[in-house]
Amino acid sequence: MTSDNQLPKTCIIGAGTSGVICAKVMKQYGLPYDCFEMGSGIGGLWRFKNDNGASTCYRSLHINTGKPLMVLSDFPFADNVPEYPSHTHILEYFESYADHFDVRRNITFRTRVARVEKQNDESWLVELETGDGTRETRHYDAVVVANGHHWDPRIPDYPGEFDGIQIHSHHYVDTQDPHDLKDKNVVVVGMGNSAMDIACELAHYGQGAKKVFLSQRSGVWILPKLLGNTPQDAFLRHPMAEPTIWEHFRRKFIPRSLRLKFSDALARTILKMSVGSPSRVGLKDPECQPHERHPTISQEIHTRLIHGDITPKPNVKMLKGRQVEFADGTVEDVDAIIWCTGYNITFPFFDESFIAAPNNSIPLWQRIWDPEHPGLMFLALVQPLCAMMPIAELQSHVMASFLTGQFHLPAPEQMRQEMIKYDQMMKDLYVNSPSYTIQIDCPEYTYFLRQAWSAGKKRARAAGNMPQLPVGLPPAGGGSMSADPTGPAT
């Protein structure tokens, strides 16, 4: 490995869970970096009432992935952490992680990345703004974008106007914050995880809203967290685990269409036996196969529906002052609407003519690189069928391997072709919606990423393990980093 002053220096944008993981991996590989965070603490969306304004964390939030699948490869959970941790447990875990690996020293808090521009010498100009309005410009050899994609709320446009309370789920805290919804008639719009959690919380009889209407545009597959005694994700491979011989065999010799057909049939059978059809409880049955859209995870929604605590409704047709008309012609008196309708993928520090995600579409090679900008890397810009944390860990190792010269990218044209092919394959696989433009199947994605990583290591060894990025600028501030003598875990 080359010495520190020959390695690229990286700017990490954001100290959410993914940014903290990336900082730890950068340190492990001996890479110099600075990390900038708008808020006063780490954790991103998992920090309740985060003062960076970007957290989606409501008071009762628990993760929908079992802890065995979300744990990081070299830092186990404490024994007293429950099977499906709350936001408090997850933040405590990452606070301990950051302290254990001593990554806070290179995180600058209360600092916003205001602008990022690529320079002619392939370096990156980064303009910073502190809380008091002070601005500073620095130069970096590489940039890791870890600003998240669950912070810019997307609200649909329906005919008419509504005169009551309207909030996006992003701003929901509990039944009394930011609005007192007790004894109110509330419409929850959406069928994702947040919609289910919020509708169920509001629908506790005598404790929350007077009436709760759950409006859905299309049918979704709803999985309980537990299938009998078994977590619903117990049989997925952890993203940091090596694929088994059986996985290599079936991906190489069993056609993908056949594997999907089998998994769909198995999923439908399990759901029919465990919770029945959605129409059994008044919801729309999905018109797609289980693999074609992200399932919603809820242990409680079926209970609230069969108790009559939640009234299912079709899509909103029109807003009428203090009433809402639905697609079936029914009209309800409504005090509040909670829009659980997803988020826009936004990069406020880039000029839109440089990098943008129109309609939430942003093709990337291995969901990390734009072939035109090897020094720009996107971290955790995926919608996974698993926890994001170990996906970010694997991606960070691949990025660090690239920055140290242990992994070389293919030629830009090859990257472009592979990127377009994979992006189209995933878009063909899922329903046509802004919510599914960056969807990944975790075992499949990590399998492909590991294959690309292995091929890139071979290219790097053939080239003498020299970094591909040009490095010529002096370090742009921040503390010096020392290499982890144990080296990267590959």
Protein backbone atom coordinates (compact mmCIF):
# COMPACT_ATOMS: atom_id res chain seq x y z
CA MET A 1 0.00 0.00 0.00
CA THR A 2 1.22 3.46 -0.81
CA SER A 3 1.83 6.07 1.86
CA ASP A 4 -0.83 8.54 3.04
CA ASN A 5 0.47 11.46 1.01
CA GLN A 6 0.07 9.42 -2.19
CA LEU A 7 -3.50 8.39 -1.46
CA PRO A 8 -6.56 10.39 -2.49
CA LYS A 9 -8.21 12.50 0.16
CA THR A 10 -11.97 12.09 0.32
CA CYS A 11 -14.87 14.29 1.36
CA ILE A 12 -17.76 12.29 2.86
CA ILE A 13 -21.05 14.19 2.73
CA GLY A 14 -23.18 13.21 5.71
CA ALA A 15 -22.63 11.40 9.01
CA GLY A 16 -25.72 9.27 9.02
CA THR A 17 -25.26 5.55 9.60
CA SER A 18 -23.84 5.07 6.08
CA GLY A 19 -21.44 8.02 6.35
CA VAL A 20 -20.14 6.77 9.70
CA ILE A 21 -19.62 3.29 8.27
CA CYS A 22 -17.72 4.78 5.33
CA ALA A 23 -15.55 6.87 7.68
CA LYS A 24 -14.65 3.76 9.68
CA VAL A 25 -13.75 1.80 6.53
CA MET A 26 -11.68 4.71 5.15
CA LYS A 27 -9.73 4.79 8.39
CA GLN A 28 -9.29 1.03 8.29
CA TYR A 29 -7.67 1.29 4.85
CA GLY A 30 -5.42 4.16 5.92
CA LEU A 31 -7.20 6.71 3.74
CA PRO A 32 -7.34 10.41 4.62
CA TYR A 33 -10.85 11.83 4.71
CA ASP A 34 -13.08 14.57 6.11
CA CYS A 35 -16.75 14.00 6.89
CA PHE A 36 -19.24 16.88 7.12
CA GLU A 37 -22.59 16.71 8.88
CA MET A 38 -25.28 19.41 9.02
CA GLY A 39 -26.51 18.32 12.44
CA SER A 40 -24.81 18.16 15.81
CA GLY A 41 -24.61 14.35 16.00
CA ILE A 42 -24.28 11.18 13.99
CA GLY A 43 -27.08 8.82 13.04
CA GLY A 44 -28.96 10.59 10.27
CA LEU A 45 -32.57 9.46 10.01
CA TRP A 46 -32.14 7.22 13.08
CA ARG A 47 -31.50 10.21 15.37
CA PHE A 48 -34.88 11.15 16.81
CA LYS A 49 -35.62 14.86 16.21
CA ASN A 50 -32.25 15.26 14.52
CA ASP A 51 -31.40 18.96 14.35
CA ASN A 52 -30.23 18.55 10.76
CA GLY A 53 -33.90 18.50 9.78
CA ALA A 54 -33.48 15.39 7.64
CA SER A 55 -34.62 12.64 10.00
CA THR A 56 -37.75 10.61 9.21
CA CYS A 57 -37.75 9.14 12.70
CA TYR A 58 -41.09 9.07 14.53
CA ARG A 59 -41.24 8.29 18.23
CA SER A 60 -42.38 4.67 17.92
CA LEU A 61 -40.11 3.73 14.99
CA HIS A 62 -38.55 0.26 14.95
CA ILE A 63 -36.52 -1.21 12.14
CA ASN A 64 -38.25 -3.76 9.91
CA THR A 65 -35.17 -5.93 9.55
CA GLY A 66 -34.08 -8.44 12.16
CA LYS A 67 -30.86 -7.50 13.91
CA PRO A 68 -28.88 -10.52 12.58
CA LEU A 69 -29.26 -9.10 9.07
CA MET A 70 -28.51 -5.47 9.94
CA VAL A 71 -25.50 -5.96 12.24
CA LEU A 72 -22.13 -4.81 10.89
CA SER A 73 -19.52 -7.48 10.24
CA ASP A 74 -17.04 -6.52 12.97
CA PHE A 75 -19.22 -4.94 15.65
CA PRO A 76 -21.93 -7.13 17.25
CA PHE A 77 -25.02 -5.85 18.99
CA ALA A 78 -25.21 -5.93 22.76
CA ASP A 79 -27.09 -8.98 24.07
CA ASN A 80 -29.92 -6.87 25.47
CA VAL A 81 -30.86 -5.35 22.10
CA PRO A 82 -34.23 -6.79 20.98
CA GLU A 83 -34.80 -8.77 17.84
CA TYR A 84 -36.25 -5.77 15.99
CA PRO A 85 -34.49 -2.73 17.49
CA SER A 86 -36.02 0.70 18.03
CA HIS A 87 -34.44 3.92 16.75
CA THR A 88 -32.99 4.41 20.24
CA HIS A 89 -31.19 1.07 20.12
CA ILE A 90 -29.88 1.72 16.61
CA LEU A 91 -28.54 5.16 17.49
CA GLU A 92 -26.87 3.78 20.64
CA TYR A 93 -25.28 1.06 18.50
CA PHE A 94 -23.80 3.60 16.07
CA GLU A 95 -22.66 5.92 18.85
CA SER A 96 -20.72 2.98 20.30
CA TYR A 97 -19.46 2.01 16.84
CA ALA A 98 -18.14 5.53 16.17
CA ASP A 99 -16.43 5.65 19.56
CA HIS A 100 -14.98 2.15 19.29
CA PHE A 101 -13.35 2.86 15.92
CA ASP A 102 -12.54 6.49 16.80
CA VAL A 103 -14.02 8.10 13.70
CA ARG A 104 -15.47 11.27 15.23
CA ARG A 105 -12.17 13.17 15.03
CA ASN A 106 -12.62 13.63 11.28
CA ILE A 107 -16.32 14.47 11.39
CA THR A 108 -17.12 18.17 11.37
CA PHE A 109 -20.61 18.82 12.76
CA ARG A 110 -22.97 21.73 12.14
CA THR A 111 -21.45 22.15 8.71
CA ARG A 112 -23.38 22.01 5.45
CA VAL A 113 -21.86 21.06 2.12
CA ALA A 114 -23.24 23.93 0.05
CA ARG A 115 -21.64 23.23 -3.31
CA VAL A 116 -19.56 20.53 -5.02
CA GLU A 117 -17.93 21.13 -8.40
CA LYS A 118 -15.63 18.98 -10.49
CA GLN A 119 -12.43 20.72 -11.54
CA ASN A 120 -10.49 20.34 -14.79
CA ASP A 121 -7.76 18.35 -13.04
CA GLU A 122 -10.39 15.79 -11.88
CA SER A 123 -10.29 17.11 -8.31
CA TRP A 124 -13.37 18.40 -6.48
CA LEU A 125 -14.07 21.84 -5.09
CA VAL A 126 -16.22 21.61 -1.95
CA GLU A 127 -17.79 24.73 -0.49
CA LEU A 128 -18.76 24.46 3.18
CA GLU A 129 -21.11 26.58 5.27
CA THR A 130 -21.19 26.52 9.06
CA GLY A 131 -24.17 27.33 11.27
CA ASP A 132 -23.14 30.97 11.65
CA GLY A 133 -23.00 31.47 7.88
CA THR A 134 -19.21 31.25 7.55
CA ARG A 135 -18.12 29.78 4.22
CA GLU A 136 -14.95 27.91 3.36
CA THR A 137 -13.72 26.22 0.19
CA ARG A 138 -11.62 23.05 0.15
CA HIS A 139 -10.30 20.72 -2.52
CA TYR A 140 -10.52 16.92 -2.49
CA ASP A 141 -9.44 14.10 -4.74
CA ALA A 142 -12.71 12.20 -4.24
CA VAL A 143 -16.22 12.74 -2.91
CA VAL A 144 -18.57 10.22 -1.31
CA VAL A 145 -22.22 11.29 -1.41
CA ALA A 146 -23.93 9.92 1.70
CA ASN A 147 -26.70 12.50 2.16
CA GLY A 148 -29.47 9.89 2.10
CA HIS A 149 -32.64 9.73 0.03
CA HIS A 150 -35.37 9.85 2.68
CA TRP A 151 -35.42 13.54 3.54
CA ASP A 152 -37.04 15.46 0.63
CA PRO A 153 -40.78 14.62 0.92
CA ARG A 154 -42.81 13.87 -2.20
CA ILE A 155 -46.48 14.87 -2.01
CA PRO A 156 -48.87 13.98 -4.86
CA ASP A 157 -51.03 16.58 -6.54
CA TYR A 158 -54.77 15.86 -6.38
CA PRO A 159 -57.63 18.03 -7.70
CA GLY A 160 -59.22 20.43 -5.27
CA GLU A 161 -58.04 21.89 -1.99
CA PHE A 162 -57.99 20.61 1.56
CA ASP A 163 -58.62 22.98 4.47
CA GLY A 164 -57.56 20.73 7.32
CA ILE A 165 -54.18 19.56 8.63
CA GLN A 166 -51.75 18.16 6.06
CA ILE A 167 -48.33 16.72 6.86
CA HIS A 168 -45.94 14.30 5.23
CA SER A 169 -44.87 11.26 7.23
CA HIS A 170 -41.42 12.86 7.32
CA HIS A 171 -42.77 15.36 9.87
CA TYR A 172 -44.92 12.95 11.89
CA VAL A 173 -43.64 12.39 15.44
CA ASP A 174 -46.58 10.88 17.34
CA THR A 175 -50.34 11.27 17.75
CA GLN A 176 -49.87 14.68 19.38
CA ASP A 177 -46.80 16.07 17.60
CA PRO A 178 -46.67 18.17 15.43
CA HIS A 179 -50.52 18.14 15.65
CA ASP A 180 -52.92 16.71 18.21
CA LEU A 181 -54.77 14.05 16.20
CA LYS A 182 -56.66 12.51 19.12
CA ASP A 183 -60.36 12.12 18.29
CA LYS A 184 -59.76 13.43 14.76
CA ASN A 185 -60.71 11.81 11.46
CA VAL A 186 -57.42 11.07 9.73
CA VAL A 187 -56.60 9.79 6.23
CA VAL A 188 -53.25 8.04 5.89
CA VAL A 189 -52.25 7.93 2.21
CA GLY A 190 -49.84 5.19 1.17
CA MET A 191 -49.11 1.53 1.74
CA GLY A 192 -45.45 1.51 2.69
CA ASN A 193 -43.88 0.75 6.04
CA SER A 194 -44.36 4.26 7.43
CA ALA A 195 -48.02 4.31 6.39
CA MET A 196 -48.66 1.01 8.17
CA ASP A 197 -46.85 2.08 11.34
CA ILE A 198 -48.57 5.46 11.54
CA ALA A 199 -52.05 4.15 10.69
CA CYS A 200 -51.74 1.41 13.32
CA GLU A 201 -50.50 3.85 15.95
CA LEU A 202 -53.36 6.27 15.29
CA ALA A 203 -55.90 3.44 15.28
CA HIS A 204 -55.49 2.16 18.83
CA TYR A 205 -59.09 2.29 19.97
CA GLY A 206 -59.79 5.08 22.47
CA GLN A 207 -56.17 6.25 22.48
CA GLY A 208 -55.62 7.86 19.10
CA ALA A 209 -57.71 9.18 16.24
CA LYS A 210 -61.50 8.94 16.12
CA LYS A 211 -61.40 7.35 12.66
CA VAL A 212 -58.45 6.23 10.55
CA PHE A 213 -58.81 5.75 6.80
CA LEU A 214 -56.01 4.00 4.93
CA SER A 215 -55.97 5.08 1.28
CA GLN A 216 -54.19 2.85 -1.22
CA ARG A 217 -53.62 3.40 -4.90
CA SER A 218 -52.58 -0.19 -5.65
CA GLY A 219 -52.26 -3.49 -3.85
CA VAL A 220 -49.09 -4.42 -2.01
CA TRP A 221 -47.71 -7.58 -0.45
CA ILE A 222 -47.73 -7.27 3.34
CA LEU A 223 -45.36 -9.47 5.32
CA PRO A 224 -45.53 -9.91 9.09
CA LYS A 225 -42.22 -9.51 10.88
CA LEU A 226 -42.50 -13.07 12.17
CA LEU A 227 -43.63 -16.15 10.28
CA GLY A 228 -44.45 -18.37 13.22
CA ASN A 229 -41.33 -18.21 15.37
CA THR A 230 -39.07 -17.17 12.50
CA PRO A 231 -38.19 -13.61 11.37
CA GLN A 232 -39.34 -13.14 7.78
CA ASP A 233 -35.78 -12.32 6.64
CA ALA A 234 -34.02 -15.10 8.55
CA PHE A 235 -33.00 -17.01 5.43
CA LEU A 236 -31.41 -14.12 3.54
CA ARG A 237 -27.62 -14.04 3.26
CA HIS A 238 -26.02 -11.21 5.21
CA PRO A 239 -24.63 -8.73 2.65
CA MET A 240 -21.11 -8.99 4.11
CA ALA A 241 -21.12 -12.80 4.01
CA GLU A 242 -19.52 -14.63 1.09
CA PRO A 243 -21.99 -16.39 -1.23
CA THR A 244 -22.27 -20.12 -0.66
CA ILE A 245 -21.45 -22.79 -3.24
CA TRP A 246 -25.18 -23.36 -3.66
CA GLU A 247 -25.75 -19.69 -4.43
CA HIS A 248 -22.98 -19.74 -7.04
CA PHE A 249 -24.54 -22.84 -8.58
CA ARG A 250 -28.12 -21.60 -8.77
CA ARG A 251 -27.16 -18.18 -10.13
CA LYS A 252 -24.98 -19.75 -12.79
CA PHE A 253 -27.08 -22.73 -13.85
CA ILE A 254 -30.72 -21.98 -12.94
CA PRO A 255 -32.32 -19.33 -15.18
CA ARG A 256 -33.31 -16.16 -13.37
CA SER A 257 -36.89 -16.38 -14.64
CA LEU A 258 -37.25 -19.85 -13.14
CA ARG A 259 -35.79 -18.75 -9.81
CA LEU A 260 -38.21 -15.81 -9.67
CA LYS A 261 -41.17 -18.01 -10.56
CA PHE A 262 -40.31 -20.43 -7.77
CA SER A 263 -39.72 -17.70 -5.17
CA ASP A 264 -42.99 -15.98 -6.11
CA ALA A 265 -44.95 -19.21 -5.70
CA LEU A 266 -43.30 -19.88 -2.35
CA ALA A 267 -43.97 -16.33 -1.13
CA ARG A 268 -47.65 -16.47 -2.12
CA THR A 269 -48.06 -19.81 -0.37
CA ILE A 270 -46.42 -18.61 2.83
CA LEU A 271 -48.47 -15.41 2.89
CA LYS A 272 -51.72 -17.26 2.23
CA MET A 273 -51.01 -19.60 5.14
CA SER A 274 -49.80 -16.91 7.54
CA VAL A 275 -52.01 -13.84 6.94
CA GLY A 276 -54.29 -14.62 4.02
CA SER A 277 -55.06 -12.44 1.02
CA PRO A 278 -55.14 -8.65 1.47
CA SER A 279 -58.75 -8.66 0.25
CA ARG A 280 -59.62 -10.77 3.30
CA VAL A 281 -59.20 -7.60 5.38
CA GLY A 282 -60.60 -5.15 2.84
CA LEU A 283 -57.40 -4.17 1.04
CA LYS A 284 -56.66 -4.45 -2.66
CA ASP A 285 -54.96 -7.63 -3.77
CA PRO A 286 -51.66 -6.97 -5.56
CA GLU A 287 -51.79 -7.14 -9.34
CA CYS A 288 -48.08 -7.91 -9.52
CA GLN A 289 -45.89 -10.79 -8.41
CA PRO A 290 -44.16 -10.62 -5.00
CA HIS A 291 -40.79 -9.91 -6.59
CA GLU A 292 -42.12 -6.92 -8.54
CA ARG A 293 -42.43 -4.46 -5.68
CA HIS A 294 -40.98 -3.82 -2.25
CA PRO A 295 -43.11 -5.66 0.32
CA THR A 296 -44.52 -3.80 3.30
CA ILE A 297 -43.56 -5.20 6.70
CA SER A 298 -46.19 -4.99 9.43
CA GLN A 299 -47.01 -7.27 12.32
CA GLU A 300 -50.06 -5.24 13.35
CA ILE A 301 -51.98 -4.03 10.30
CA HIS A 302 -54.14 -7.16 9.95
CA THR A 303 -55.20 -6.92 13.61
CA ARG A 304 -56.21 -3.27 13.30
CA LEU A 305 -58.18 -4.02 10.10
CA ILE A 306 -60.12 -7.03 11.41
CA HIS A 307 -60.95 -5.05 14.57
CA GLY A 308 -62.39 -2.26 12.42
CA ASP A 309 -59.94 0.27 13.86
CA ILE A 310 -58.77 1.15 10.32
CA THR A 311 -61.11 1.61 7.35
CA PRO A 312 -59.47 0.75 4.01
CA LYS A 313 -60.13 3.15 1.15
CA PRO A 314 -59.05 3.33 -2.51
CA ASN A 315 -57.01 6.16 -3.97
CA VAL A 316 -57.90 9.78 -3.29
CA LYS A 317 -59.93 11.28 -6.14
CA MET A 318 -60.51 14.85 -4.98
CA LEU A 319 -59.97 17.16 -2.03
CA LYS A 320 -63.07 19.09 -0.97
CA GLY A 321 -62.34 21.53 1.82
CA ARG A 322 -62.78 19.39 4.95
CA GLN A 323 -63.82 16.33 2.98
CA VAL A 324 -62.01 13.78 0.85
CA GLU A 325 -63.61 11.95 -2.08
CA PHE A 326 -62.16 8.57 -2.93
CA ALA A 327 -61.99 6.68 -6.22
CA ASP A 328 -65.02 4.53 -5.31
CA GLY A 329 -67.19 7.64 -4.96
CA THR A 330 -67.36 7.64 -1.17
CA VAL A 331 -66.84 10.95 0.62
CA GLU A 332 -65.57 11.27 4.20
CA ASP A 333 -65.35 14.16 6.64
CA VAL A 334 -61.63 14.53 7.37
CA ASP A 335 -59.64 16.62 9.83
CA ALA A 336 -56.13 15.62 8.76
CA ILE A 337 -54.22 13.94 5.95
CA ILE A 338 -50.85 12.26 6.45
CA TRP A 339 -49.04 11.75 3.15
CA CYS A 340 -46.87 8.62 3.33
CA THR A 341 -45.97 8.98 -0.31
CA GLY A 342 -42.22 8.66 -0.47
CA TYR A 343 -39.32 10.98 -1.18
CA ASN A 344 -37.46 12.72 -3.97
CA ILE A 345 -33.82 11.85 -4.60
CA THR A 346 -32.11 15.22 -4.29
CA PHE A 347 -28.54 16.50 -4.29
CA PRO A 348 -28.72 20.18 -3.25
CA PHE A 349 -24.94 20.64 -3.52
CA PHE A 350 -24.77 19.70 -7.23
CA ASP A 351 -25.82 21.84 -10.15
CA GLU A 352 -28.75 19.97 -11.72
CA SER A 353 -27.05 20.11 -15.12
CA PHE A 354 -24.19 18.07 -13.62
CA ILE A 355 -25.92 15.37 -11.53
CA ALA A 356 -29.64 14.98 -10.91
CA ALA A 357 -32.26 12.25 -10.53
CA PRO A 358 -35.27 13.24 -12.65
CA ASN A 359 -38.29 11.19 -11.62
CA ASN A 360 -35.92 9.61 -9.06
CA SER A 361 -33.97 7.84 -11.81
CA ILE A 362 -30.17 7.87 -11.52
CA PRO A 363 -28.40 4.94 -13.21
CA LEU A 364 -25.00 4.14 -11.67
CA TRP A 365 -22.43 1.42 -12.23
CA GLN A 366 -22.83 -1.05 -9.36
CA ARG A 367 -25.13 1.60 -7.83
CA ILE A 368 -21.98 3.57 -6.90
CA TRP A 369 -20.27 5.21 -9.92
CA ASP A 370 -21.15 7.43 -12.83
CA PRO A 371 -18.70 6.31 -15.56
CA GLU A 372 -17.83 9.94 -16.33
CA HIS A 373 -16.74 10.78 -12.78
CA PRO A 374 -14.64 8.05 -11.11
CA GLY A 375 -13.79 10.32 -8.19
CA LEU A 376 -17.48 10.71 -7.31
CA MET A 377 -19.09 7.82 -5.42
CA PHE A 378 -22.66 7.37 -4.17
CA LEU A 379 -23.10 5.47 -0.94
CA ALA A 380 -26.30 3.62 0.03
CA LEU A 381 -28.27 5.16 -2.84
CA VAL A 382 -30.40 2.03 -3.06
CA GLN A 383 -33.78 0.82 -1.85
CA PRO A 384 -32.92 -2.61 -0.44
CA LEU A 385 -34.98 -5.62 0.59
CA CYS A 386 -32.80 -5.77 3.69
CA ALA A 387 -31.14 -3.35 6.10
CA MET A 388 -29.11 -0.56 4.52
CA MET A 389 -26.22 -0.73 7.00
CA PRO A 390 -24.35 -3.82 5.74
CA ILE A 391 -24.97 -2.75 2.14
CA ALA A 392 -23.19 0.51 2.97
CA GLU A 393 -20.41 -1.48 4.63
CA LEU A 394 -19.78 -3.61 1.55
CA GLN A 395 -19.94 -0.60 -0.76
CA SER A 396 -17.50 1.27 1.47
CA HIS A 397 -14.97 -1.56 1.23
CA VAL A 398 -15.24 -1.50 -2.56
CA MET A 399 -14.78 2.30 -2.58
CA ALA A 400 -11.79 2.11 -0.24
CA SER A 401 -10.24 -0.61 -2.39
CA PHE A 402 -10.59 1.70 -5.38
CA LEU A 403 -9.08 4.69 -3.59
CA THR A 404 -6.08 2.66 -2.41
CA GLY A 405 -5.46 1.16 -5.86
CA GLN A 406 -6.43 -2.40 -4.85
CA PHE A 407 -9.46 -2.29 -7.16
CA HIS A 408 -9.59 -0.81 -10.66
CA LEU A 409 -12.73 0.24 -12.50
CA PRO A 410 -13.43 -1.10 -15.99
CA ALA A 411 -13.12 1.19 -19.00
CA PRO A 412 -15.82 3.91 -19.02
CA GLU A 413 -17.63 2.44 -22.03
CA GLN A 414 -17.82 -0.98 -20.39
CA MET A 415 -19.10 0.64 -17.19
CA ARG A 416 -21.72 2.52 -19.16
CA GLN A 417 -22.98 -0.59 -20.95
CA GLU A 418 -23.14 -2.63 -17.76
CA MET A 419 -24.80 0.23 -15.90
CA ILE A 420 -27.54 0.66 -18.50
CA LYS A 421 -28.13 -3.10 -18.69
CA TYR A 422 -28.46 -3.49 -14.91
CA ASP A 423 -30.59 -0.37 -14.52
CA GLN A 424 -33.01 -1.53 -17.20
CA MET A 425 -33.09 -5.04 -15.77
CA MET A 426 -34.13 -3.73 -12.35
CA LYS A 427 -36.69 -1.31 -13.80
CA ASP A 428 -38.21 -4.14 -15.83
CA LEU A 429 -38.33 -6.25 -12.69
CA TYR A 430 -40.28 -3.77 -10.54
CA VAL A 431 -43.45 -1.75 -11.03
CA ASN A 432 -43.11 1.53 -12.91
CA SER A 433 -43.00 4.09 -10.09
CA PRO A 434 -40.60 6.71 -8.69
CA SER A 435 -40.51 4.54 -5.56
CA TYR A 436 -38.78 1.67 -7.41
CA THR A 437 -36.08 3.33 -9.47
CA ILE A 438 -33.20 2.37 -7.16
CA GLN A 439 -34.58 -0.93 -5.90
CA ILE A 440 -32.19 -3.82 -5.31
CA ASP A 441 -32.55 -7.43 -4.32
CA CYS A 442 -29.93 -7.66 -1.56
CA PRO A 443 -28.45 -11.14 -2.18
CA GLU A 444 -28.44 -10.58 -5.95
CA TYR A 445 -26.95 -7.09 -5.75
CA THR A 446 -24.19 -8.06 -3.33
CA TYR A 447 -23.43 -11.13 -5.43
CA PHE A 448 -22.93 -8.97 -8.54
CA LEU A 449 -20.96 -6.37 -6.57
CA ARG A 450 -18.62 -9.01 -5.19
CA GLN A 451 -18.04 -10.36 -8.70
CA ALA A 452 -17.21 -6.86 -9.95
CA TRP A 453 -14.95 -6.32 -6.92
CA SER A 454 -13.04 -9.54 -7.66
CA ALA A 455 -12.61 -8.64 -11.33
CA GLY A 456 -11.43 -5.15 -10.38
CA LYS A 457 -8.84 -6.57 -7.98
CA LYS A 458 -7.39 -8.65 -10.82
CA ARG A 459 -7.14 -5.53 -13.01
CA ALA A 460 -5.46 -3.67 -10.16
CA ARG A 461 -2.87 -6.39 -9.55
CA ALA A 462 -2.05 -6.45 -13.26
CA ALA A 463 -1.50 -2.67 -13.09
CA GLY A 464 0.66 -2.78 -9.96
CA ASN A 465 -2.04 -1.73 -7.46
CA MET A 466 -1.61 1.95 -8.23
CA PRO A 467 -4.57 4.29 -7.53
CA GLN A 468 -6.50 5.23 -10.66
CA LEU A 469 -7.38 8.69 -9.39
CA PRO A 470 -4.89 11.50 -10.03
CA VAL A 471 -3.52 12.79 -6.71
CA GLY A 472 -1.65 16.04 -6.80
CA LEU A 473 -3.24 18.43 -4.38
CA PRO A 474 -2.09 18.91 -0.79
CA PRO A 475 -4.34 17.56 1.99
CA ALA A 476 -7.38 19.82 2.43
CA GLY A 477 -7.42 20.22 6.21
CA GLY A 478 -8.51 17.76 8.87
CA GLY A 479 -6.52 15.35 10.98
CA SER A 480 -4.12 12.78 9.63
CA MET A 481 -5.22 9.15 9.52
CA SER A 482 -3.18 6.09 10.34
CA ALA A 483 -3.57 2.72 8.68
CA ASP A 484 -5.24 -0.13 10.54
CA PRO A 485 -2.48 -2.73 10.91
CA THR A 486 -5.01 -5.54 10.46
CA GLY A 487 -5.88 -4.27 6.99
CA PRO A 488 -9.24 -4.47 5.25
CA ALA A 489 -11.53 -7.42 5.84
CA THR A 490 -12.18 -8.88 2.42
